Amino acid sequence: MYATLWRILPGAPLAKAIQCVLLLLAVVVLLFAWVFPAVAQLVAPQNATVATTPAGPP
C-alpha cells in the first residue's frame, strides 16, 4: 500500500515525503473530527469506577 502511494504521488522524494505527512495529518483530523465522535455515540459507556471501601476487617 505504501509503495503504491509513493509511486502515484507526483514530485521528487522530498515532495512525496511532505505529501505523505500531509495525508497522514488529514487522516488523523478526519478520524478525530468525524469518525471517533460518530462511533462514540454507538458504543455504550462503561462504568469503570472503583468503589472505595474502608480499610481493615469488616
PDB file of N, CA and C in Angstrom:
ATOM      1  N   MET A   1       0.822  -1.181   0.000  1.00  0.00           N
ATOM      2  CA  MET A   1       0.000   0.000   0.000  1.00  0.00           C
ATOM      3  C   MET A   1       0.873   1.254   0.000  1.00  0.00           C
ATOM      4  N   TYR A   2       1.898   1.276   0.833  1.00  0.00           N
ATOM      5  CA  TYR A   2       2.742   2.457   0.921  1.00  0.00           C
ATOM      6  C   TYR A   2       3.573   2.634  -0.339  1.00  0.00           C
ATOM      7  N   ALA A   3       3.999   1.527  -0.932  1.00  0.00           N
ATOM      8  CA  ALA A   3       4.757   1.617  -2.179  1.00  0.00           C
ATOM      9  C   ALA A   3       3.876   2.167  -3.297  1.00  0.00           C
ATOM     10  N   THR A   4       2.629   1.750  -3.339  1.00  0.00           N
ATOM     11  CA  THR A   4       1.706   2.259  -4.351  1.00  0.00           C
ATOM     12  C   THR A   4       1.466   3.743  -4.139  1.00  0.00           C
ATOM     13  N   LEU A   5       1.270   4.145  -2.909  1.00  0.00           N
ATOM     14  CA  LEU A   5       1.077   5.555  -2.602  1.00  0.00           C
ATOM     15  C   LEU A   5       2.301   6.355  -3.014  1.00  0.00           C
ATOM     16  N   TRP A   6       3.474   5.832  -2.727  1.00  0.00           N
ATOM     17  CA  TRP A   6       4.717   6.520  -3.072  1.00  0.00           C
ATOM     18  C   TRP A   6       4.844   6.674  -4.587  1.00  0.00           C
ATOM     19  N   ARG A   7       4.432   5.646  -5.335  1.00  0.00           N
ATOM     20  CA  ARG A   7       4.545   5.704  -6.790  1.00  0.00           C
ATOM     21  C   ARG A   7       3.553   6.679  -7.412  1.00  0.00           C
ATOM     22  N   ILE A   8       2.351   6.800  -6.854  1.00  0.00           N
ATOM     23  CA  ILE A   8       1.348   7.640  -7.505  1.00  0.00           C
ATOM     24  C   ILE A   8       1.475   9.117  -7.123  1.00  0.00           C
ATOM     25  N   LEU A   9       2.174   9.430  -6.040  1.00  0.00           N
ATOM     26  CA  LEU A   9       2.352  10.836  -5.679  1.00  0.00           C
ATOM     27  C   LEU A   9       3.348  11.487  -6.630  1.00  0.00           C
ATOM     28  N   PRO A  10       3.045  12.704  -7.085  1.00  0.00           N
ATOM     29  CA  PRO A  10       3.959  13.380  -8.009  1.00  0.00           C
ATOM     30  C   PRO A  10       5.101  14.062  -7.269  1.00  0.00           C
ATOM     31  N   GLY A  11       6.191  14.286  -7.988  1.00  0.00           N
ATOM     32  CA  GLY A  11       7.272  15.099  -7.456  1.00  0.00           C
ATOM     33  C   GLY A  11       8.490  14.305  -7.050  1.00  0.00           C
ATOM     34  N   ALA A  12       9.443  15.056  -6.521  1.00  0.00           N
ATOM     35  CA  ALA A  12      10.706  14.494  -6.040  1.00  0.00           C
ATOM     36  C   ALA A  12      10.470  13.791  -4.705  1.00  0.00           C
ATOM     37  N   PRO A  13      11.445  13.023  -4.236  1.00  0.00           N
ATOM     38  CA  PRO A  13      11.259  12.306  -2.967  1.00  0.00           C
ATOM     39  C   PRO A  13      10.907  13.212  -1.781  1.00  0.00           C
ATOM     40  N   LEU A  14      11.495  14.401  -1.716  1.00  0.00           N
ATOM     41  CA  LEU A  14      11.158  15.304  -0.611  1.00  0.00           C
ATOM     42  C   LEU A  14       9.705  15.752  -0.709  1.00  0.00           C
ATOM     43  N   ALA A  15       9.250  16.061  -1.917  1.00  0.00           N
ATOM     44  CA  ALA A  15       7.856  16.464  -2.107  1.00  0.00           C
ATOM     45  C   ALA A  15       6.916  15.309  -1.777  1.00  0.00           C
ATOM     46  N   LYS A  16       7.297  14.099  -2.139  1.00  0.00           N
ATOM     47  CA  LYS A  16       6.471  12.928  -1.825  1.00  0.00           C
ATOM     48  C   LYS A  16       6.388  12.723  -0.319  1.00  0.00           C
ATOM     49  N   ALA A  17       7.515  12.918   0.377  1.00  0.00           N
ATOM     50  CA  ALA A  17       7.522  12.755   1.827  1.00  0.00           C
ATOM     51  C   ALA A  17       6.619  13.790   2.494  1.00  0.00           C
ATOM     52  N   ILE A  18       6.671  15.026   2.020  1.00  0.00           N
ATOM     53  CA  ILE A  18       5.818  16.075   2.577  1.00  0.00           C
ATOM     54  C   ILE A  18       4.349  15.756   2.309  1.00  0.00           C
ATOM     55  N   GLN A  19       4.052  15.286   1.112  1.00  0.00           N
ATOM     56  CA  GLN A  19       2.674  14.929   0.780  1.00  0.00           C
ATOM     57  C   GLN A  19       2.189  13.771   1.645  1.00  0.00           C
ATOM     58  N   CYS A  20       3.049  12.807   1.918  1.00  0.00           N
ATOM     59  CA  CYS A  20       2.668  11.683   2.789  1.00  0.00           C
ATOM     60  C   CYS A  20       2.350  12.165   4.198  1.00  0.00           C
ATOM     61  N   VAL A  21       3.156  13.073   4.711  1.00  0.00           N
ATOM     62  CA  VAL A  21       2.906  13.617   6.052  1.00  0.00           C
ATOM     63  C   VAL A  21       1.592  14.387   6.069  1.00  0.00           C
ATOM     64  N   LEU A  22       1.341  15.175   5.028  1.00  0.00           N
ATOM     65  CA  LEU A  22       0.084  15.926   4.967  1.00  0.00           C
ATOM     66  C   LEU A  22      -1.118  14.995   4.855  1.00  0.00           C
ATOM     67  N   LEU A  23      -0.983  13.930   4.084  1.00  0.00           N
ATOM     68  CA  LEU A  23      -2.067  12.951   4.001  1.00  0.00           C
ATOM     69  C   LEU A  23      -2.313  12.277   5.345  1.00  0.00           C
ATOM     70  N   LEU A  24      -1.244  11.955   6.055  1.00  0.00           N
ATOM     71  CA  LEU A  24      -1.380  11.345   7.376  1.00  0.00           C
ATOM     72  C   LEU A  24      -2.091  12.297   8.333  1.00  0.00           C
ATOM     73  N   LEU A  25      -1.706  13.551   8.318  1.00  0.00           N
ATOM     74  CA  LEU A  25      -2.366  14.533   9.184  1.00  0.00           C
ATOM     75  C   LEU A  25      -3.840  14.696   8.817  1.00  0.00           C
ATOM     76  N   ALA A  26      -4.148  14.673   7.531  1.00  0.00           N
ATOM     77  CA  ALA A  26      -5.534  14.781   7.102  1.00  0.00           C
ATOM     78  C   ALA A  26      -6.358  13.597   7.590  1.00  0.00           C
ATOM     79  N   VAL A  27      -5.787  12.412   7.565  1.00  0.00           N
ATOM     80  CA  VAL A  27      -6.499  11.224   8.044  1.00  0.00           C
ATOM     81  C   VAL A  27      -6.728  11.315   9.549  1.00  0.00           C
ATOM     82  N   VAL A  28      -5.729  11.776  10.281  1.00  0.00           N
ATOM     83  CA  VAL A  28      -5.872  11.907  11.735  1.00  0.00           C
ATOM     84  C   VAL A  28      -6.961  12.927  12.075  1.00  0.00           C
ATOM     85  N   VAL A  29      -6.968  14.059  11.383  1.00  0.00           N
ATOM     86  CA  VAL A  29      -8.004  15.073  11.620  1.00  0.00           C
ATOM     87  C   VAL A  29      -9.381  14.511  11.289  1.00  0.00           C
ATOM     88  N   LEU A  30      -9.488  13.809  10.182  1.00  0.00           N
ATOM     89  CA  LEU A  30     -10.756  13.195   9.798  1.00  0.00           C
ATOM     90  C   LEU A  30     -11.244  12.229  10.869  1.00  0.00           C
ATOM     91  N   LEU A  31     -10.354  11.411  11.377  1.00  0.00           N
ATOM     92  CA  LEU A  31     -10.740  10.445  12.403  1.00  0.00           C
ATOM     93  C   LEU A  31     -11.213  11.135  13.682  1.00  0.00           C
ATOM     94  N   PHE A  32     -10.441  12.106  14.162  1.00  0.00           N
ATOM     95  CA  PHE A  32     -10.794  12.756  15.422  1.00  0.00           C
ATOM     96  C   PHE A  32     -11.986  13.700  15.300  1.00  0.00           C
ATOM     97  N   ALA A  33     -12.196  14.285  14.122  1.00  0.00           N
ATOM     98  CA  ALA A  33     -13.279  15.251  13.970  1.00  0.00           C
ATOM     99  C   ALA A  33     -14.620  14.582  13.687  1.00  0.00           C
ATOM    100  N   TRP A  34     -14.617  13.486  12.901  1.00  0.00           N
ATOM    101  CA  TRP A  34     -15.895  12.919  12.487  1.00  0.00           C
ATOM    102  C   TRP A  34     -16.078  11.453  12.848  1.00  0.00           C
ATOM    103  N   VAL A  35     -15.086  10.639  12.643  1.00  0.00           N
ATOM    104  CA  VAL A  35     -15.269   9.197  12.818  1.00  0.00           C
ATOM    105  C   VAL A  35     -15.387   8.829  14.289  1.00  0.00           C
ATOM    106  N   PHE A  36     -14.424   9.227  15.103  1.00  0.00           N
ATOM    107  CA  PHE A  36     -14.465   8.847  16.517  1.00  0.00           C
ATOM    108  C   PHE A  36     -15.701   9.383  17.244  1.00  0.00           C
ATOM    109  N   PRO A  37     -16.121  10.636  17.038  1.00  0.00           N
ATOM    110  CA  PRO A  37     -17.365  11.081  17.695  1.00  0.00           C
ATOM    111  C   PRO A  37     -18.589  10.287  17.244  1.00  0.00           C
ATOM    112  N   ALA A  38     -18.658   9.915  15.977  1.00  0.00           N
ATOM    113  CA  ALA A  38     -19.801   9.131  15.495  1.00  0.00           C
ATOM    114  C   ALA A  38     -19.803   7.743  16.117  1.00  0.00           C
ATOM    115  N   VAL A  39     -18.640   7.141  16.246  1.00  0.00           N
ATOM    116  CA  VAL A  39     -18.551   5.802  16.830  1.00  0.00           C
ATOM    117  C   VAL A  39     -18.812   5.863  18.330  1.00  0.00           C
ATOM    118  N   ALA A  40     -18.402   6.934  18.987  1.00  0.00           N
ATOM    119  CA  ALA A  40     -18.600   7.061  20.432  1.00  0.00           C
ATOM    120  C   ALA A  40     -20.081   7.060  20.791  1.00  0.00           C
ATOM    121  N   GLN A  41     -20.924   7.554  19.903  1.00  0.00           N
ATOM    122  CA  GLN A  41     -22.361   7.556  20.174  1.00  0.00           C
ATOM    123  C   GLN A  41     -22.951   6.157  20.078  1.00  0.00           C
ATOM    124  N   LEU A  42     -22.301   5.279  19.340  1.00  0.00           N
ATOM    125  CA  LEU A  42     -22.799   3.916  19.166  1.00  0.00           C
ATOM    126  C   LEU A  42     -22.306   2.962  20.250  1.00  0.00           C
ATOM    127  N   VAL A  43     -21.200   3.304  20.893  1.00  0.00           N
ATOM    128  CA  VAL A  43     -20.610   2.436  21.899  1.00  0.00           C
ATOM    129  C   VAL A  43     -21.146   2.845  23.265  1.00  0.00           C
ATOM    130  N   ALA A  44     -21.635   1.886  24.008  1.00  0.00           N
ATOM    131  CA  ALA A  44     -22.163   2.173  25.338  1.00  0.00           C
ATOM    132  C   ALA A  44     -21.009   2.501  26.284  1.00  0.00           C
ATOM    133  N   PRO A  45     -21.146   3.558  27.059  1.00  0.00           N
ATOM    134  CA  PRO A  45     -20.073   3.874  28.010  1.00  0.00           C
ATOM    135  C   PRO A  45     -19.994   2.802  29.095  1.00  0.00           C
ATOM    136  N   GLN A  46     -18.801   2.547  29.515  1.00  0.00           N
ATOM    137  CA  GLN A  46     -18.601   1.529  30.546  1.00  0.00           C
ATOM    138  C   GLN A  46     -18.291   2.215  31.866  1.00  0.00           C
ATOM    139  N   ASN A  47     -18.902   1.710  32.899  1.00  0.00           N
ATOM    140  CA  ASN A  47     -18.629   2.250  34.230  1.00  0.00           C
ATOM    141  C   ASN A  47     -17.354   1.614  34.739  1.00  0.00           C
ATOM    142  N   ALA A  48     -16.294   2.358  34.696  1.00  0.00           N
ATOM    143  CA  ALA A  48     -15.001   1.831  35.098  1.00  0.00           C
ATOM    144  C   ALA A  48     -14.538   2.433  36.410  1.00  0.00           C
ATOM    145  N   THR A  49     -15.485   2.760  37.266  1.00  0.00           N
ATOM    146  CA  THR A  49     -15.120   3.334  38.547  1.00  0.00           C
ATOM    147  C   THR A  49     -14.863   2.221  39.552  1.00  0.00           C
ATOM    148  N   VAL A  50     -14.055   2.527  40.509  1.00  0.00           N
ATOM    149  CA  VAL A  50     -13.739   1.561  41.555  1.00  0.00           C
ATOM    150  C   VAL A  50     -14.335   2.088  42.855  1.00  0.00           C
ATOM    151  N   ALA A  51     -15.165   1.269  43.472  1.00  0.00           N
ATOM    152  CA  ALA A  51     -15.766   1.670  44.741  1.00  0.00           C
ATOM    153  C   ALA A  51     -14.732   1.563  45.849  1.00  0.00           C
ATOM    154  N   THR A  52     -14.695   2.573  46.653  1.00  0.00           N
ATOM    155  CA  THR A  52     -13.744   2.552  47.773  1.00  0.00           C
ATOM    156  C   THR A  52     -14.440   2.006  49.003  1.00  0.00           C
ATOM    157  N   THR A  53     -13.753   1.132  49.695  1.00  0.00           N
ATOM    158  CA  THR A  53     -14.284   0.563  50.949  1.00  0.00           C
ATOM    159  C   THR A  53     -13.286   0.905  52.052  1.00  0.00           C
ATOM    160  N   PRO A  54     -13.758   0.981  53.259  1.00  0.00           N
ATOM    161  CA  PRO A  54     -12.833   1.286  54.359  1.00  0.00           C
ATOM    162  C   PRO A  54     -11.812   0.165  54.517  1.00  0.00           C
ATOM    163  N   ALA A  55     -10.608   0.538  54.859  1.00  0.00           N
ATOM    164  CA  ALA A  55      -9.545  -0.446  55.058  1.00  0.00           C
ATOM    165  C   ALA A  55      -9.742  -1.184  56.384  1.00  0.00           C
ATOM    166  N   GLY A  56      -9.270  -2.384  56.444  1.00  0.00           N
ATOM    167  CA  GLY A  56      -9.361  -3.148  57.681  1.00  0.00           C
ATOM    168  C   GLY A  56     -10.432  -4.227  57.628  1.00  0.00           C
ATOM    169  N   PRO A  57     -10.529  -5.007  58.681  1.00  0.00           N
ATOM    170  CA  PRO A  57     -11.515  -6.093  58.705  1.00  0.00           C
ATOM    171  C   PRO A  57     -12.932  -5.530  58.803  1.00  0.00           C
ATOM    172  N   PRO A  58     -13.884  -6.249  58.256  1.00  0.00           N
ATOM    173  CA  PRO A  58     -15.285  -5.774  58.283  1.00  0.00           C
ATOM    174  C   PRO A  58     -15.912  -5.797  59.650  1.00  0.00           C
TER     175      PRO A  58
END
